[in-house]
């Protein structure tokens, strides 16, 4: 797996990657793919597609495809970061990679979910699963190969991505969101950038996130102090339901992260290895919570190669898409 950026890929990244600012959320300028900005050449967008409605609130996603897609293409789903209480489907490194991912032979979908101030967990993962089910149910309409879906997220989006990966067989997290409840929400691979995996292991680590502060993002996610919400915290932790049939994961984390402690990815990777799950760990030396432009760029060919292997290559065999629904 290459560690270098060159040729067309390097040129794309020089244009699209931004340095993230501030913990838990990516501060972005107008980039190709956003409303009002020019799309990358060869990419078309369908924005504001409603995939579900909850309590009168419309949950939407944006779909980016090649201008002239040739047959069914594997899908990469981006989940933004923002502490589960902010952010946008138009933000983040995955969104900024639209100009790389789509021309490389993928459909890309950027999805939304309810925020913790509107609904506590498991609303967020239920919304993400509803989005996956919608995209799989409407695969033919959007030139998607519904048997080959990967998910990619950063920070809280990394958490939800990993949670999708480790909950394909967990009925209790499927929810009742959307109109495609008989369709599987299982994904075939996961890229997790600096996502939390075990909230109870934040304490004592170098992080500004306080597990004993009701205003803390992790406490707001579960609707109270972690000590008072242990059952729900366990339900939220991606590490809780790991089984050997979970899809491959690529995990990346900065070892100087002062928001989501580095040990969160170490714990996840160790648990995945013990279960026999295919996992790759990219430790970003000197990387903070949102890495940095050079570090993001170094990861791009690694992420592309990971998706190619598991969504296009010999390892990309369709999984039982009915398993999670039964």
Protein backbone atom coordinates (compact mmCIF):
# COMPACT_ATOMS: atom_id res chain seq x y z
CA UNK A 1 0.00 0.00 0.00
CA UNK A 2 1.64 3.22 -1.17
CA UNK A 3 2.45 6.04 1.23
CA UNK A 4 3.13 8.64 -1.48
CA UNK A 5 0.98 11.07 -3.41
CA UNK A 6 1.79 11.66 -7.03
CA UNK A 7 0.44 12.43 -10.47
CA UNK A 8 -3.26 13.20 -10.75
CA UNK A 9 -3.99 12.25 -7.15
CA UNK A 10 -1.43 14.71 -5.84
CA UNK A 11 -2.79 17.49 -8.03
CA UNK A 12 -6.34 16.86 -6.83
CA UNK A 13 -5.28 16.94 -3.21
CA UNK A 14 -3.36 20.16 -3.54
CA UNK A 15 -6.62 21.73 -4.67
CA UNK A 16 -9.09 20.13 -2.26
CA UNK A 17 -7.65 19.49 1.18
CA UNK A 18 -7.99 22.16 3.85
CA UNK A 19 -6.45 22.43 7.28
CA UNK A 20 -9.13 21.81 9.89
CA UNK A 21 -9.56 24.38 12.63
CA UNK A 22 -10.87 23.85 16.12
CA UNK A 23 -11.70 20.66 17.97
CA UNK A 24 -14.44 18.27 16.86
CA UNK A 25 -15.45 20.25 13.78
CA UNK A 26 -13.83 21.17 10.47
CA UNK A 27 -13.79 24.84 9.55
CA UNK A 28 -14.15 24.90 5.78
CA UNK A 29 -14.15 27.50 3.05
CA UNK A 30 -16.26 27.02 -0.08
CA UNK A 31 -14.87 23.97 -1.82
CA UNK A 32 -15.81 22.13 -5.02
CA UNK A 33 -19.08 20.31 -4.45
CA UNK A 34 -20.61 22.86 -2.07
CA UNK A 35 -23.64 24.88 -3.14
CA UNK A 36 -22.39 27.92 -5.02
CA UNK A 37 -19.02 26.37 -5.84
CA UNK A 38 -17.93 24.76 -9.08
CA UNK A 39 -17.97 20.99 -9.14
CA UNK A 40 -14.81 19.10 -10.07
CA UNK A 41 -14.64 18.17 -13.72
CA UNK A 42 -16.43 14.93 -14.45
CA UNK A 43 -18.57 15.08 -11.29
CA UNK A 44 -22.29 15.80 -11.02
CA UNK A 45 -24.30 16.39 -7.85
CA UNK A 46 -27.80 15.66 -6.64
CA UNK A 47 -28.25 17.60 -3.42
CA UNK A 48 -30.94 17.65 -0.78
CA UNK A 49 -32.26 14.14 -1.33
CA UNK A 50 -34.58 13.26 1.55
CA UNK A 51 -33.87 9.77 2.87
CA UNK A 52 -36.17 9.93 5.90
CA UNK A 53 -38.33 12.22 7.98
CA UNK A 54 -38.34 12.11 11.78
CA UNK A 55 -40.65 14.23 13.91
CA UNK A 56 -41.31 16.50 10.97
CA UNK A 57 -37.57 16.98 10.36
CA UNK A 58 -36.27 16.13 6.90
CA UNK A 59 -33.06 14.06 6.89
CA UNK A 60 -31.16 14.65 3.69
CA UNK A 61 -28.10 13.50 1.81
CA UNK A 62 -26.16 14.65 -1.23
CA UNK A 63 -25.07 12.25 -3.96
CA UNK A 64 -22.04 12.79 -6.21
CA UNK A 65 -21.53 10.61 -9.28
CA UNK A 66 -19.36 10.66 -12.39
CA UNK A 67 -20.95 12.81 -15.09
CA UNK A 68 -21.32 9.70 -17.22
CA UNK A 69 -21.31 6.69 -14.85
CA UNK A 70 -20.53 3.39 -16.50
CA UNK A 71 -22.70 0.76 -14.88
CA UNK A 72 -23.01 0.23 -11.13
CA UNK A 73 -20.25 1.76 -9.00
CA UNK A 74 -19.22 1.09 -5.40
CA UNK A 75 -20.40 3.69 -2.91
CA UNK A 76 -18.42 5.70 -0.33
CA UNK A 77 -20.57 7.36 2.35
CA UNK A 78 -19.13 10.36 4.21
CA UNK A 79 -20.25 11.18 7.80
CA UNK A 80 -19.14 14.60 9.04
CA UNK A 81 -17.71 15.41 12.45
CA UNK A 82 -19.01 18.00 14.88
CA UNK A 83 -19.35 16.46 18.35
CA UNK A 84 -22.77 15.05 17.39
CA UNK A 85 -24.15 18.57 17.94
CA UNK A 86 -22.92 20.51 14.90
CA UNK A 87 -21.25 20.20 11.54
CA UNK A 88 -22.60 19.67 8.05
CA UNK A 89 -22.59 17.15 5.22
CA UNK A 90 -20.78 19.84 3.20
CA UNK A 91 -17.77 19.80 5.53
CA UNK A 92 -14.79 17.60 6.35
CA UNK A 93 -11.93 15.75 4.67
CA UNK A 94 -14.16 13.14 3.09
CA UNK A 95 -16.36 15.83 1.57
CA UNK A 96 -13.28 17.63 0.27
CA UNK A 97 -12.13 14.40 -1.38
CA UNK A 98 -15.15 14.23 -3.68
CA UNK A 99 -12.93 15.36 -6.56
CA UNK A 100 -10.59 12.45 -5.89
CA UNK A 101 -13.01 9.67 -4.96
CA UNK A 102 -15.69 10.11 -7.63
CA UNK A 103 -13.35 10.35 -10.66
CA UNK A 104 -11.60 7.26 -9.29
CA UNK A 105 -14.73 5.23 -10.01
CA UNK A 106 -17.06 5.68 -7.05
CA UNK A 107 -20.37 7.21 -6.17
CA UNK A 108 -20.08 9.32 -3.03
CA UNK A 109 -22.90 10.24 -0.64
CA UNK A 110 -22.60 12.81 2.16
CA UNK A 111 -25.28 12.20 4.78
CA UNK A 112 -26.83 14.06 7.70
CA UNK A 113 -28.17 12.98 11.08
CA UNK A 114 -30.01 14.49 14.04
CA UNK A 115 -27.93 16.40 16.57
CA UNK A 116 -27.70 15.48 20.24
CA UNK A 117 -29.56 18.65 21.30
CA UNK A 118 -32.53 17.37 19.28
CA UNK A 119 -32.34 13.68 20.15
CA UNK A 120 -29.87 11.65 22.19
CA UNK A 121 -28.23 8.41 21.11
CA UNK A 122 -29.17 6.08 19.42
CA UNK A 123 -30.91 8.63 17.15
CA UNK A 124 -27.64 9.41 15.34
CA UNK A 125 -26.77 5.82 14.41
CA UNK A 126 -30.40 5.09 13.54
CA UNK A 127 -30.31 7.99 11.07
CA UNK A 128 -27.04 6.76 9.55
CA UNK A 129 -28.48 3.28 9.16
CA UNK A 130 -31.58 4.75 7.53
CA UNK A 131 -29.33 6.54 5.03
CA UNK A 132 -27.50 3.30 4.19
CA UNK A 133 -30.79 1.46 3.74
CA UNK A 134 -32.14 4.23 1.49
CA UNK A 135 -29.03 4.22 -0.69
CA UNK A 136 -29.06 0.44 -0.97
CA UNK A 137 -32.80 0.34 -1.73
CA UNK A 138 -32.36 3.00 -4.44
CA UNK A 139 -29.02 1.73 -5.73
CA UNK A 140 -30.12 1.34 -9.35
CA UNK A 141 -31.49 4.90 -9.46
CA UNK A 142 -28.14 6.37 -8.44
CA UNK A 143 -25.75 4.02 -10.33
CA UNK A 144 -24.72 2.37 -7.05
CA UNK A 145 -23.55 -1.19 -6.51
CA UNK A 146 -25.58 -1.90 -3.37
CA UNK A 147 -23.40 -4.87 -2.41
CA UNK A 148 -20.28 -2.70 -2.08
CA UNK A 149 -20.73 0.20 0.32
CA UNK A 150 -17.96 1.75 2.38
CA UNK A 151 -18.29 4.44 5.04
CA UNK A 152 -15.83 7.13 6.08
CA UNK A 153 -16.03 9.64 8.93
CA UNK A 154 -14.00 11.92 11.14
CA UNK A 155 -14.28 12.53 14.91
CA UNK A 156 -17.95 12.03 15.85
CA UNK A 157 -18.43 10.93 12.24
CA UNK A 158 -15.62 8.44 12.75
CA UNK A 159 -17.46 7.16 15.80
CA UNK A 160 -20.67 6.69 13.80
CA UNK A 161 -18.76 5.07 10.94
CA UNK A 162 -17.15 2.56 13.29
CA UNK A 163 -20.52 2.02 14.97
CA UNK A 164 -22.03 1.17 11.59
CA UNK A 165 -19.22 -1.29 11.01
CA UNK A 166 -19.58 -3.12 14.31
CA UNK A 167 -23.39 -3.15 14.45
CA UNK A 168 -24.37 -4.82 11.20
CA UNK A 169 -25.82 -7.70 13.19
CA UNK A 170 -27.28 -5.66 16.08
CA UNK A 171 -31.06 -5.44 15.72
CA UNK A 172 -31.35 -3.12 18.71
CA UNK A 173 -29.61 -0.32 16.79
CA UNK A 174 -31.57 -0.58 13.54
CA UNK A 175 -34.32 1.77 14.68
CA UNK A 176 -37.51 2.60 12.80
CA UNK A 177 -36.28 5.54 10.72
CA UNK A 178 -37.19 5.71 7.04
CA UNK A 179 -39.23 3.53 4.69
CA UNK A 180 -36.72 0.76 3.94
CA UNK A 181 -36.74 -1.23 7.16
CA UNK A 182 -36.46 -4.55 5.34
CA UNK A 183 -33.18 -3.53 3.68
CA UNK A 184 -29.80 -4.18 5.30
CA UNK A 185 -27.75 -1.37 6.84
CA UNK A 186 -24.59 -3.47 6.75
CA UNK A 187 -21.49 -1.88 5.21
CA UNK A 188 -18.54 -3.63 3.60
CA UNK A 189 -15.67 -1.52 4.99
CA UNK A 190 -15.03 1.45 7.29
CA UNK A 191 -12.55 4.33 7.47
CA UNK A 192 -12.50 5.90 10.94
CA UNK A 193 -10.55 9.11 11.51
CA UNK A 194 -10.03 9.77 15.24
CA UNK A 195 -13.42 8.53 16.39
CA UNK A 196 -14.22 7.65 20.03
CA UNK A 197 -14.64 3.95 20.76
CA UNK A 198 -15.04 3.68 24.56
CA UNK A 199 -16.30 6.81 26.33
CA UNK A 200 -15.58 5.41 29.77
CA UNK A 201 -11.85 5.38 28.92
CA UNK A 202 -11.64 9.15 28.36
CA UNK A 203 -10.99 9.88 32.03
CA UNK A 204 -7.37 10.47 32.96
CA UNK A 205 -6.32 11.10 29.37
CA UNK A 206 -5.01 14.37 27.85
CA UNK A 207 -8.31 15.72 26.58
CA UNK A 208 -10.48 18.77 27.14
CA UNK A 209 -13.58 16.55 27.03
CA UNK A 210 -14.93 16.01 30.57
CA UNK A 211 -16.95 12.88 31.23
CA UNK A 212 -18.31 14.41 34.44
CA UNK A 213 -19.57 17.63 32.85
CA UNK A 214 -23.18 17.56 31.59
CA UNK A 215 -22.23 20.14 28.92
CA UNK A 216 -19.54 17.84 27.51
CA UNK A 217 -20.23 16.44 24.01
CA UNK A 218 -20.12 12.84 25.18
CA UNK A 219 -22.54 13.54 28.03
CA UNK A 220 -24.89 15.44 25.75
CA UNK A 221 -24.87 12.50 23.34
CA UNK A 222 -26.27 10.14 25.98
CA UNK A 223 -28.36 12.73 27.82
CA UNK A 224 -26.52 12.81 31.14
CA UNK A 225 -23.35 12.01 33.04
CA UNK A 226 -21.65 8.88 31.79
CA UNK A 227 -21.67 7.35 35.26
CA UNK A 228 -25.47 7.62 35.26
CA UNK A 229 -25.90 6.30 31.72
CA UNK A 230 -23.67 3.25 31.66
CA UNK A 231 -26.04 1.02 29.69
CA UNK A 232 -26.56 3.65 27.00
CA UNK A 233 -22.85 4.46 26.92
CA UNK A 234 -22.08 0.80 26.27
CA UNK A 235 -24.65 0.83 23.48
CA UNK A 236 -22.96 3.86 21.94
CA UNK A 237 -19.43 2.45 22.14
CA UNK A 238 -18.30 0.86 18.82
CA UNK A 239 -16.11 -1.48 20.83
CA UNK A 240 -19.08 -3.11 22.58
CA UNK A 241 -20.46 -5.32 19.81
CA UNK A 242 -17.32 -6.32 17.90
CA UNK A 243 -17.59 -9.76 16.29
CA UNK A 244 -15.32 -11.65 13.94
CA UNK A 245 -17.63 -11.07 10.95
CA UNK A 246 -17.34 -7.26 11.16
CA UNK A 247 -16.09 -5.58 7.96
CA UNK A 248 -12.47 -4.42 7.52
CA UNK A 249 -11.57 -1.13 9.19
CA UNK A 250 -8.91 1.48 8.49
CA UNK A 251 -8.32 3.58 11.62
CA UNK A 252 -6.25 6.79 11.69
CA UNK A 253 -5.54 8.91 14.77
CA UNK A 254 -3.12 11.66 15.77
CA UNK A 255 -0.99 10.78 18.79
CA UNK A 256 -1.27 14.38 20.06
CA UNK A 257 -5.06 14.53 19.88
CA UNK A 258 -6.34 16.65 22.79
CA UNK A 259 -10.04 16.03 22.08
CA UNK A 260 -10.50 12.32 21.38
CA UNK A 261 -7.63 10.60 23.21
CA UNK A 262 -5.27 8.51 21.12
CA UNK A 263 -6.06 5.51 23.30
CA UNK A 264 -9.57 5.42 21.82
CA UNK A 265 -8.21 4.10 18.54
CA UNK A 266 -5.67 1.89 20.28
CA UNK A 267 -8.47 0.24 22.25
CA UNK A 268 -10.60 -0.23 19.13
CA UNK A 269 -7.77 -1.66 17.06
CA UNK A 270 -6.70 -4.07 19.81
CA UNK A 271 -10.28 -5.31 20.26
CA UNK A 272 -10.71 -5.78 16.50
CA UNK A 273 -7.48 -7.75 16.28
CA UNK A 274 -8.50 -9.99 19.16
CA UNK A 275 -11.77 -10.74 17.38
CA UNK A 276 -9.97 -11.56 14.15
CA UNK A 277 -11.28 -8.55 12.21
CA UNK A 278 -9.14 -7.14 9.38
CA UNK A 279 -7.89 -3.79 10.69
CA UNK A 280 -5.20 -1.32 9.61
CA UNK A 281 -3.99 1.37 12.01
CA UNK A 282 -2.37 4.60 10.85
CA UNK A 283 -0.90 6.43 13.86
CA UNK A 284 -0.25 10.05 12.85
CA UNK A 285 2.91 11.13 14.65
CA UNK A 286 2.48 14.63 16.03
CA UNK A 287 -1.06 14.81 14.69
CA UNK A 288 -3.72 16.69 16.61
CA UNK A 289 -7.44 16.07 16.48
CA UNK A 290 -7.82 17.29 12.92
CA UNK A 291 -4.34 16.20 11.77
CA UNK A 292 -2.96 18.77 9.30
CA UNK A 293 -2.87 19.28 5.54
CA UNK A 294 0.30 17.27 4.92
CA UNK A 295 -0.96 14.47 7.17
CA UNK A 296 -4.36 14.41 5.44
CA UNK A 297 -2.63 14.24 2.09
CA UNK A 298 -0.44 11.34 3.21
CA UNK A 299 -3.57 9.40 4.13
CA UNK A 300 -5.42 9.92 0.85
CA UNK A 301 -3.72 7.20 -1.23
CA UNK A 302 -3.98 4.87 1.74
CA UNK A 303 -7.73 5.46 1.99
CA UNK A 304 -8.21 5.08 -1.77
CA UNK A 305 -6.21 1.84 -1.79
CA UNK A 306 -8.28 0.55 1.15
CA UNK A 307 -11.56 1.26 -0.64
CA UNK A 308 -10.21 -0.22 -3.88
CA UNK A 309 -9.23 -3.41 -2.10
CA UNK A 310 -12.47 -3.93 -0.23
CA UNK A 311 -15.01 -2.43 -2.64
CA UNK A 312 -13.44 -3.19 -6.02
CA UNK A 313 -10.74 -5.81 -5.61
CA UNK A 314 -10.60 -9.53 -4.96
CA UNK A 315 -11.54 -8.92 -1.32
CA UNK A 316 -14.71 -7.08 -2.39
CA UNK A 317 -17.14 -9.97 -2.25
CA UNK A 318 -20.80 -9.17 -1.60
CA UNK A 319 -21.88 -9.88 1.95
CA UNK A 320 -25.22 -11.29 2.99
CA UNK A 321 -27.31 -8.13 2.66
CA UNK A 322 -30.28 -9.77 4.35
CA UNK A 323 -28.40 -10.76 7.50
CA UNK A 324 -28.92 -7.50 9.36
CA UNK A 325 -32.58 -7.32 8.41
CA UNK A 326 -33.48 -10.79 9.66
